[in-house]
Every structure is written in C-alpha cells, then in structure tokens.
Amino acid sequence: MFWIDPPIGNSPASGGALIAKLSDNEYLVTALRARVSFSPSDELAGQVHMIERVEEGHFENGAWVFERVWNGDQTDWGLKLQPQSLIY
C-alpha cells in the first residue's frame, strides 16, 4: 500500500465506529479513535470510486448543524476520527 507498513493500532484496541446508511449515497459516521474507509462492493470491484463530500457537524434539537467540509487530503486515506466527540 504505497510503500508503507499497515498501521499497527492500539493494544488493547480502544476505538470504535458506528455507520448508519441514510440513503443510497449518504452515510452518518460517528467514531472514536478509528479510521473508516469506504470501498465498492464485490459487484463494483475494480471500478473507480471516491468520497464526494465529508461534512463535520453535530445534531442540535434533532437537526443537523453543519460546521465544516473536510478537504480531500483529509479523506483520501479514509476518515481518521480522533478522540474528540465528532459526527461526520
């Protein structure tokens, strides 16, 4: 994978993620100390794919409150979710 060793991770593992599919092309991702990547299904293997947009924000009174859009260099190796409480 681009001349680097795979990540070692934490021992013991201390992170996790929750992914909810909102529509055909929209997902809600929340995680703590995790890296999340999306890949095509077996039916689409070999086809080009990309993440079009990643929004960071939070929910307030049941409504999504947008905070910022992640840049491409923040998403090209997957979504690296830090220890802060964030929703994407």
PDB file of N, CA and C in Angstrom:
ATOM      1  N   MET A   1       0.846  -1.178   0.000  1.00  0.00           N
ATOM      2  CA  MET A   1       0.000   0.000   0.000  1.00  0.00           C
ATOM      3  C   MET A   1       0.890   1.240   0.000  1.00  0.00           C
ATOM      4  N   PHE A   2       1.286   1.716  -1.133  1.00  0.00           N
ATOM      5  CA  PHE A   2       2.059   2.940  -1.299  1.00  0.00           C
ATOM      6  C   PHE A   2       3.337   2.938  -0.454  1.00  0.00           C
ATOM      7  N   TRP A   3       3.987   1.820  -0.374  1.00  0.00           N
ATOM      8  CA  TRP A   3       5.313   1.698   0.236  1.00  0.00           C
ATOM      9  C   TRP A   3       5.352   2.008   1.724  1.00  0.00           C
ATOM     10  N   ILE A   4       4.250   1.790   2.424  1.00  0.00           N
ATOM     11  CA  ILE A   4       4.266   1.974   3.875  1.00  0.00           C
ATOM     12  C   ILE A   4       3.712   0.726   4.529  1.00  0.00           C
ATOM     13  N   ASP A   5       4.114   0.487   5.755  1.00  0.00           N
ATOM     14  CA  ASP A   5       3.572  -0.630   6.513  1.00  0.00           C
ATOM     15  C   ASP A   5       2.157  -0.298   6.960  1.00  0.00           C
ATOM     16  N   PRO A   6       1.319  -1.318   7.129  1.00  0.00           N
ATOM     17  CA  PRO A   6      -0.036  -1.051   7.624  1.00  0.00           C
ATOM     18  C   PRO A   6       0.026  -0.492   9.048  1.00  0.00           C
ATOM     19  N   PRO A   7      -0.984   0.262   9.443  1.00  0.00           N
ATOM     20  CA  PRO A   7      -0.972   0.827  10.795  1.00  0.00           C
ATOM     21  C   PRO A   7      -0.966  -0.275  11.844  1.00  0.00           C
ATOM     22  N   ILE A   8      -0.273  -0.028  12.928  1.00  0.00           N
ATOM     23  CA  ILE A   8      -0.159  -1.014  13.999  1.00  0.00           C
ATOM     24  C   ILE A   8      -1.401  -1.013  14.876  1.00  0.00           C
ATOM     25  N   GLY A   9      -1.934   0.145  15.179  1.00  0.00           N
ATOM     26  CA  GLY A   9      -3.126   0.226  16.013  1.00  0.00           C
ATOM     27  C   GLY A   9      -2.790   0.257  17.493  1.00  0.00           C
ATOM     28  N   ASN A  10      -3.811   0.236  18.294  1.00  0.00           N
ATOM     29  CA  ASN A  10      -3.657   0.297  19.744  1.00  0.00           C
ATOM     30  C   ASN A  10      -3.753  -1.093  20.337  1.00  0.00           C
ATOM     31  N   SER A  11      -3.054  -1.289  21.421  1.00  0.00           N
ATOM     32  CA  SER A  11      -3.156  -2.562  22.133  1.00  0.00           C
ATOM     33  C   SER A  11      -3.325  -2.246  23.616  1.00  0.00           C
ATOM     34  N   PRO A  12      -4.442  -2.560  24.200  1.00  0.00           N
ATOM     35  CA  PRO A  12      -5.607  -3.185  23.574  1.00  0.00           C
ATOM     36  C   PRO A  12      -6.383  -2.179  22.728  1.00  0.00           C
ATOM     37  N   ALA A  13      -7.169  -2.696  21.804  1.00  0.00           N
ATOM     38  CA  ALA A  13      -7.983  -1.828  20.948  1.00  0.00           C
ATOM     39  C   ALA A  13      -8.894  -0.973  21.826  1.00  0.00           C
ATOM     40  N   SER A  14      -8.986   0.327  21.497  1.00  0.00           N
ATOM     41  CA  SER A  14      -9.774   1.224  22.346  1.00  0.00           C
ATOM     42  C   SER A  14     -10.681   2.144  21.541  1.00  0.00           C
ATOM     43  N   GLY A  15     -10.879   1.860  20.282  1.00  0.00           N
ATOM     44  CA  GLY A  15     -11.719   2.708  19.451  1.00  0.00           C
ATOM     45  C   GLY A  15     -12.915   1.944  18.917  1.00  0.00           C
ATOM     46  N   GLY A  16     -13.762   2.641  18.200  1.00  0.00           N
ATOM     47  CA  GLY A  16     -14.920   2.012  17.589  1.00  0.00           C
ATOM     48  C   GLY A  16     -15.629   2.992  16.678  1.00  0.00           C
ATOM     49  N   ALA A  17     -16.551   2.478  15.886  1.00  0.00           N
ATOM     50  CA  ALA A  17     -17.282   3.321  14.940  1.00  0.00           C
ATOM     51  C   ALA A  17     -18.707   2.830  14.778  1.00  0.00           C
ATOM     52  N   LEU A  18     -19.580   3.746  14.443  1.00  0.00           N
ATOM     53  CA  LEU A  18     -20.965   3.438  14.108  1.00  0.00           C
ATOM     54  C   LEU A  18     -21.248   4.107  12.778  1.00  0.00           C
ATOM     55  N   ILE A  19     -21.748   3.336  11.807  1.00  0.00           N
ATOM     56  CA  ILE A  19     -22.058   3.864  10.475  1.00  0.00           C
ATOM     57  C   ILE A  19     -23.517   3.558  10.179  1.00  0.00           C
ATOM     58  N   ALA A  20     -24.288   4.593   9.858  1.00  0.00           N
ATOM     59  CA  ALA A  20     -25.693   4.435   9.507  1.00  0.00           C
ATOM     60  C   ALA A  20     -25.899   4.881   8.067  1.00  0.00           C
ATOM     61  N   LYS A  21     -26.536   4.031   7.254  1.00  0.00           N
ATOM     62  CA  LYS A  21     -26.832   4.383   5.870  1.00  0.00           C
ATOM     63  C   LYS A  21     -28.120   5.203   5.856  1.00  0.00           C
ATOM     64  N   LEU A  22     -28.019   6.458   5.408  1.00  0.00           N
ATOM     65  CA  LEU A  22     -29.167   7.353   5.375  1.00  0.00           C
ATOM     66  C   LEU A  22     -29.904   7.302   4.045  1.00  0.00           C
ATOM     67  N   SER A  23     -29.161   7.049   2.957  1.00  0.00           N
ATOM     68  CA  SER A  23     -29.744   6.896   1.625  1.00  0.00           C
ATOM     69  C   SER A  23     -28.732   6.131   0.782  1.00  0.00           C
ATOM     70  N   ASP A  24     -28.997   5.965  -0.523  1.00  0.00           N
ATOM     71  CA  ASP A  24     -28.093   5.201  -1.388  1.00  0.00           C
ATOM     72  C   ASP A  24     -26.667   5.731  -1.375  1.00  0.00           C
ATOM     73  N   ASN A  25     -26.495   7.036  -1.252  1.00  0.00           N
ATOM     74  CA  ASN A  25     -25.166   7.649  -1.321  1.00  0.00           C
ATOM     75  C   ASN A  25     -24.866   8.555  -0.130  1.00  0.00           C
ATOM     76  N   GLU A  26     -25.506   8.291   1.010  1.00  0.00           N
ATOM     77  CA  GLU A  26     -25.309   9.154   2.170  1.00  0.00           C
ATOM     78  C   GLU A  26     -25.235   8.314   3.435  1.00  0.00           C
ATOM     79  N   TYR A  27     -24.201   8.592   4.240  1.00  0.00           N
ATOM     80  CA  TYR A  27     -23.968   7.829   5.465  1.00  0.00           C
ATOM     81  C   TYR A  27     -23.696   8.786   6.616  1.00  0.00           C
ATOM     82  N   LEU A  28     -24.079   8.377   7.805  1.00  0.00           N
ATOM     83  CA  LEU A  28     -23.732   9.084   9.023  1.00  0.00           C
ATOM     84  C   LEU A  28     -22.662   8.254   9.715  1.00  0.00           C
ATOM     85  N   VAL A  29     -21.529   8.864  10.006  1.00  0.00           N
ATOM     86  CA  VAL A  29     -20.412   8.160  10.639  1.00  0.00           C
ATOM     87  C   VAL A  29     -20.070   8.864  11.937  1.00  0.00           C
ATOM     88  N   THR A  30     -20.022   8.120  13.014  1.00  0.00           N
ATOM     89  CA  THR A  30     -19.526   8.656  14.279  1.00  0.00           C
ATOM     90  C   THR A  30     -18.555   7.625  14.839  1.00  0.00           C
ATOM     91  N   ALA A  31     -17.459   8.101  15.381  1.00  0.00           N
ATOM     92  CA  ALA A  31     -16.422   7.164  15.829  1.00  0.00           C
ATOM     93  C   ALA A  31     -15.524   7.812  16.865  1.00  0.00           C
ATOM     94  N   LEU A  32     -14.762   6.969  17.510  1.00  0.00           N
ATOM     95  CA  LEU A  32     -13.785   7.398  18.497  1.00  0.00           C
ATOM     96  C   LEU A  32     -12.511   6.613  18.258  1.00  0.00           C
ATOM     97  N   ARG A  33     -11.403   7.315  17.988  1.00  0.00           N
ATOM     98  CA  ARG A  33     -10.103   6.687  17.737  1.00  0.00           C
ATOM     99  C   ARG A  33     -10.213   5.560  16.705  1.00  0.00           C
ATOM    100  N   ALA A  34     -10.677   5.910  15.502  1.00  0.00           N
ATOM    101  CA  ALA A  34     -10.865   4.908  14.450  1.00  0.00           C
ATOM    102  C   ALA A  34     -10.586   5.536  13.087  1.00  0.00           C
ATOM    103  N   ARG A  35     -10.277   4.683  12.104  1.00  0.00           N
ATOM    104  CA  ARG A  35     -10.151   5.103  10.716  1.00  0.00           C
ATOM    105  C   ARG A  35     -11.200   4.324   9.932  1.00  0.00           C
ATOM    106  N   VAL A  36     -12.045   5.048   9.195  1.00  0.00           N
ATOM    107  CA  VAL A  36     -13.139   4.451   8.442  1.00  0.00           C
ATOM    108  C   VAL A  36     -12.894   4.664   6.956  1.00  0.00           C
ATOM    109  N   SER A  37     -12.968   3.593   6.180  1.00  0.00           N
ATOM    110  CA  SER A  37     -12.820   3.671   4.726  1.00  0.00           C
ATOM    111  C   SER A  37     -14.039   3.062   4.064  1.00  0.00           C
ATOM    112  N   PHE A  38     -14.409   3.598   2.915  1.00  0.00           N
ATOM    113  CA  PHE A  38     -15.496   3.058   2.113  1.00  0.00           C
ATOM    114  C   PHE A  38     -14.901   2.448   0.858  1.00  0.00           C
ATOM    115  N   SER A  39     -15.392   1.280   0.469  1.00  0.00           N
ATOM    116  CA  SER A  39     -14.919   0.576  -0.725  1.00  0.00           C
ATOM    117  C   SER A  39     -16.119   0.081  -1.517  1.00  0.00           C
ATOM    118  N   PRO A  40     -15.948  -0.114  -2.828  1.00  0.00           N
ATOM    119  CA  PRO A  40     -17.053  -0.649  -3.627  1.00  0.00           C
ATOM    120  C   PRO A  40     -17.368  -2.095  -3.232  1.00  0.00           C
ATOM    121  N   SER A  41     -18.596  -2.490  -3.457  1.00  0.00           N
ATOM    122  CA  SER A  41     -18.993  -3.877  -3.216  1.00  0.00           C
ATOM    123  C   SER A  41     -18.323  -4.789  -4.248  1.00  0.00           C
ATOM    124  N   ASP A  42     -18.426  -6.087  -4.056  1.00  0.00           N
ATOM    125  CA  ASP A  42     -17.835  -7.042  -4.992  1.00  0.00           C
ATOM    126  C   ASP A  42     -18.345  -6.833  -6.414  1.00  0.00           C
ATOM    127  N   GLU A  43     -19.616  -6.460  -6.554  1.00  0.00           N
ATOM    128  CA  GLU A  43     -20.198  -6.237  -7.884  1.00  0.00           C
ATOM    129  C   GLU A  43     -19.522  -5.081  -8.620  1.00  0.00           C
ATOM    130  N   LEU A  44     -18.951  -4.150  -7.869  1.00  0.00           N
ATOM    131  CA  LEU A  44     -18.324  -2.969  -8.466  1.00  0.00           C
ATOM    132  C   LEU A  44     -16.800  -2.986  -8.340  1.00  0.00           C
ATOM    133  N   ALA A  45     -16.250  -4.112  -7.927  1.00  0.00           N
ATOM    134  CA  ALA A  45     -14.797  -4.211  -7.737  1.00  0.00           C
ATOM    135  C   ALA A  45     -14.062  -3.790  -9.004  1.00  0.00           C
ATOM    136  N   GLY A  46     -13.026  -3.003  -8.843  1.00  0.00           N
ATOM    137  CA  GLY A  46     -12.227  -2.548  -9.971  1.00  0.00           C
ATOM    138  C   GLY A  46     -12.696  -1.234 -10.566  1.00  0.00           C
ATOM    139  N   GLN A  47     -13.889  -0.792 -10.210  1.00  0.00           N
ATOM    140  CA  GLN A  47     -14.376   0.487 -10.714  1.00  0.00           C
ATOM    141  C   GLN A  47     -13.862   1.625  -9.839  1.00  0.00           C
ATOM    142  N   VAL A  48     -13.716   2.773 -10.433  1.00  0.00           N
ATOM    143  CA  VAL A  48     -13.245   3.946  -9.712  1.00  0.00           C
ATOM    144  C   VAL A  48     -14.323   4.412  -8.739  1.00  0.00           C
ATOM    145  N   HIS A  49     -13.907   4.780  -7.545  1.00  0.00           N
ATOM    146  CA  HIS A  49     -14.843   5.321  -6.566  1.00  0.00           C
ATOM    147  C   HIS A  49     -14.152   6.427  -5.773  1.00  0.00           C
ATOM    148  N   MET A  50     -14.947   7.292  -5.171  1.00  0.00           N
ATOM    149  CA  MET A  50     -14.384   8.356  -4.348  1.00  0.00           C
ATOM    150  C   MET A  50     -15.441   8.864  -3.379  1.00  0.00           C
ATOM    151  N   ILE A  51     -14.963   9.480  -2.321  1.00  0.00           N
ATOM    152  CA  ILE A  51     -15.860  10.174  -1.403  1.00  0.00           C
ATOM    153  C   ILE A  51     -16.042  11.579  -1.960  1.00  0.00           C
ATOM    154  N   GLU A  52     -17.280  11.935  -2.224  1.00  0.00           N
ATOM    155  CA  GLU A  52     -17.544  13.233  -2.853  1.00  0.00           C
ATOM    156  C   GLU A  52     -17.493  14.379  -1.860  1.00  0.00           C
ATOM    157  N   ARG A  53     -17.997  14.156  -0.650  1.00  0.00           N
ATOM    158  CA  ARG A  53     -18.060  15.247   0.329  1.00  0.00           C
ATOM    159  C   ARG A  53     -18.142  14.661   1.728  1.00  0.00           C
ATOM    160  N   VAL A  54     -17.398  15.245   2.645  1.00  0.00           N
ATOM    161  CA  VAL A  54     -17.478  14.878   4.055  1.00  0.00           C
ATOM    162  C   VAL A  54     -17.770  16.152   4.836  1.00  0.00           C
ATOM    163  N   GLU A  55     -18.900  16.153   5.525  1.00  0.00           N
ATOM    164  CA  GLU A  55     -19.279  17.291   6.354  1.00  0.00           C
ATOM    165  C   GLU A  55     -19.051  16.938   7.818  1.00  0.00           C
ATOM    166  N   GLU A  56     -18.518  17.863   8.563  1.00  0.00           N
ATOM    167  CA  GLU A  56     -18.377  17.719  10.010  1.00  0.00           C
ATOM    168  C   GLU A  56     -19.433  18.594  10.651  1.00  0.00           C
ATOM    169  N   GLY A  57     -20.060  18.074  11.688  1.00  0.00           N
ATOM    170  CA  GLY A  57     -21.082  18.848  12.372  1.00  0.00           C
ATOM    171  C   GLY A  57     -21.607  18.126  13.583  1.00  0.00           C
ATOM    172  N   HIS A  58     -22.777  18.541  14.021  1.00  0.00           N
ATOM    173  CA  HIS A  58     -23.406  17.912  15.179  1.00  0.00           C
ATOM    174  C   HIS A  58     -24.917  18.073  15.056  1.00  0.00           C
ATOM    175  N   PHE A  59     -25.629  17.337  15.892  1.00  0.00           N
ATOM    176  CA  PHE A  59     -27.077  17.454  15.929  1.00  0.00           C
ATOM    177  C   PHE A  59     -27.476  18.331  17.101  1.00  0.00           C
ATOM    178  N   GLU A  60     -28.432  19.205  16.838  1.00  0.00           N
ATOM    179  CA  GLU A  60     -28.954  20.090  17.865  1.00  0.00           C
ATOM    180  C   GLU A  60     -30.474  20.088  17.757  1.00  0.00           C
ATOM    181  N   ASN A  61     -31.145  19.652  18.790  1.00  0.00           N
ATOM    182  CA  ASN A  61     -32.613  19.533  18.788  1.00  0.00           C
ATOM    183  C   ASN A  61     -33.098  18.703  17.603  1.00  0.00           C
ATOM    184  N   GLY A  62     -32.361  17.638  17.264  1.00  0.00           N
ATOM    185  CA  GLY A  62     -32.755  16.733  16.194  1.00  0.00           C
ATOM    186  C   GLY A  62     -32.418  17.194  14.784  1.00  0.00           C
ATOM    187  N   ALA A  63     -31.801  18.364  14.641  1.00  0.00           N
ATOM    188  CA  ALA A  63     -31.457  18.886  13.312  1.00  0.00           C
ATOM    189  C   ALA A  63     -29.939  18.905  13.139  1.00  0.00           C
ATOM    190  N   TRP A  64     -29.481  18.582  11.925  1.00  0.00           N
ATOM    191  CA  TRP A  64     -28.054  18.595  11.606  1.00  0.00           C
ATOM    192  C   TRP A  64     -27.556  20.030  11.561  1.00  0.00           C
ATOM    193  N   VAL A  65     -26.471  20.308  12.274  1.00  0.00           N
ATOM    194  CA  VAL A  65     -25.841  21.625  12.270  1.00  0.00           C
ATOM    195  C   VAL A  65     -24.470  21.470  11.616  1.00  0.00           C
ATOM    196  N   PHE A  66     -24.342  21.996  10.411  1.00  0.00           N
ATOM    197  CA  PHE A  66     -23.109  21.912   9.637  1.00  0.00           C
ATOM    198  C   PHE A  66     -22.038  22.790  10.271  1.00  0.00           C
ATOM    199  N   GLU A  67     -20.789  22.253  10.337  1.00  0.00           N
ATOM    200  CA  GLU A  67     -19.669  23.040  10.859  1.00  0.00           C
ATOM    201  C   GLU A  67     -18.606  23.293   9.801  1.00  0.00           C
ATOM    202  N   ARG A  68     -18.207  22.257   9.046  1.00  0.00           N
ATOM    203  CA  ARG A  68     -17.196  22.464   8.006  1.00  0.00           C
ATOM    204  C   ARG A  68     -17.172  21.269   7.067  1.00  0.00           C
ATOM    205  N   VAL A  69     -16.565  21.459   5.878  1.00  0.00           N
ATOM    206  CA  VAL A  69     -16.332  20.389   4.909  1.00  0.00           C
ATOM    207  C   VAL A  69     -14.878  19.963   5.032  1.00  0.00           C
ATOM    208  N   TRP A  70     -14.646  18.659   5.070  1.00  0.00           N
ATOM    209  CA  TRP A  70     -13.270  18.148   5.109  1.00  0.00           C
ATOM    210  C   TRP A  70     -12.651  18.282   3.724  1.00  0.00           C
ATOM    211  N   ASN A  71     -11.358  18.603   3.670  1.00  0.00           N
ATOM    212  CA  ASN A  71     -10.609  18.682   2.418  1.00  0.00           C
ATOM    213  C   ASN A  71     -10.289  17.280   1.917  1.00  0.00           C
ATOM    214  N   GLY A  72      -9.985  17.162   0.627  1.00  0.00           N
ATOM    215  CA  GLY A  72      -9.643  15.877   0.035  1.00  0.00           C
ATOM    216  C   GLY A  72      -8.456  15.209   0.688  1.00  0.00           C
ATOM    217  N   ASP A  73      -7.470  15.986   1.123  1.00  0.00           N
ATOM    218  CA  ASP A  73      -6.307  15.373   1.767  1.00  0.00           C
ATOM    219  C   ASP A  73      -6.639  14.841   3.155  1.00  0.00           C
ATOM    220  N   GLN A  74      -7.804  15.182   3.680  1.00  0.00           N
ATOM    221  CA  GLN A  74      -8.245  14.649   4.967  1.00  0.00           C
ATOM    222  C   GLN A  74      -9.088  13.386   4.792  1.00  0.00           C
ATOM    223  N   THR A  75      -9.431  13.051   3.557  1.00  0.00           N
ATOM    224  CA  THR A  75     -10.307  11.903   3.322  1.00  0.00           C
ATOM    225  C   THR A  75      -9.704  10.845   2.407  1.00  0.00           C
ATOM    226  N   ASP A  76      -8.568  11.124   1.765  1.00  0.00           N
ATOM    227  CA  ASP A  76      -8.059  10.197   0.751  1.00  0.00           C
ATOM    228  C   ASP A  76      -7.513   8.889   1.319  1.00  0.00           C
ATOM    229  N   TRP A  77      -7.190   8.819   2.591  1.00  0.00           N
ATOM    230  CA  TRP A  77      -6.740   7.569   3.225  1.00  0.00           C
ATOM    231  C   TRP A  77      -7.802   7.058   4.185  1.00  0.00           C
ATOM    232  N   GLY A  78      -9.038   7.457   3.999  1.00  0.00           N
ATOM    233  CA  GLY A  78     -10.112   7.105   4.918  1.00  0.00           C
ATOM    234  C   GLY A  78     -10.339   8.245   5.902  1.00  0.00           C
ATOM    235  N   LEU A  79     -11.392   8.135   6.656  1.00  0.00           N
ATOM    236  CA  LEU A  79     -11.722   9.156   7.639  1.00  0.00           C
ATOM    237  C   LEU A  79     -11.027   8.803   8.943  1.00  0.00           C
ATOM    238  N   LYS A  80     -10.080   9.609   9.354  1.00  0.00           N
ATOM    239  CA  LYS A  80      -9.366   9.363  10.612  1.00  0.00           C
ATOM    240  C   LYS A  80     -10.074  10.145  11.700  1.00  0.00           C
ATOM    241  N   LEU A  81     -10.747   9.415  12.575  1.00  0.00           N
ATOM    242  CA  LEU A  81     -11.571  10.023  13.604  1.00  0.00           C
ATOM    243  C   LEU A  81     -10.824  10.008  14.930  1.00  0.00           C
ATOM    244  N   GLN A  82     -10.610  11.165  15.468  1.00  0.00           N
ATOM    245  CA  GLN A  82      -9.785  11.365  16.649  1.00  0.00           C
ATOM    246  C   GLN A  82     -10.580  11.135  17.934  1.00  0.00           C
ATOM    247  N   PRO A  83      -9.912  11.300  19.091  1.00  0.00           N
ATOM    248  CA  PRO A  83     -10.592  11.094  20.377  1.00  0.00           C
ATOM    249  C   PRO A  83     -11.708  12.086  20.693  1.00  0.00           C
ATOM    250  N   GLN A  84     -11.780  13.225  19.991  1.00  0.00           N
ATOM    251  CA  GLN A  84     -12.862  14.159  20.247  1.00  0.00           C
ATOM    252  C   GLN A  84     -14.199  13.528  19.845  1.00  0.00           C
ATOM    253  N   SER A  85     -15.261  14.004  20.419  1.00  0.00           N
ATOM    254  CA  SER A  85     -16.590  13.528  20.044  1.00  0.00           C
ATOM    255  C   SER A  85     -17.058  14.292  18.812  1.00  0.00           C
ATOM    256  N   LEU A  86     -16.998  13.655  17.641  1.00  0.00           N
ATOM    257  CA  LEU A  86     -17.378  14.298  16.389  1.00  0.00           C
ATOM    258  C   LEU A  86     -18.323  13.399  15.611  1.00  0.00           C
ATOM    259  N   ILE A  87     -19.133  14.007  14.773  1.00  0.00           N
ATOM    260  CA  ILE A  87     -20.045  13.286  13.884  1.00  0.00           C
ATOM    261  C   ILE A  87     -19.769  13.777  12.473  1.00  0.00           C
ATOM    262  N   TYR A  88     -19.726  12.844  11.497  1.00  0.00           N
ATOM    263  CA  TYR A  88     -19.417  13.181  10.106  1.00  0.00           C
ATOM    264  C   TYR A  88     -20.525  12.688   9.197  1.00  0.00           C
TER     265      TYR A  88
END
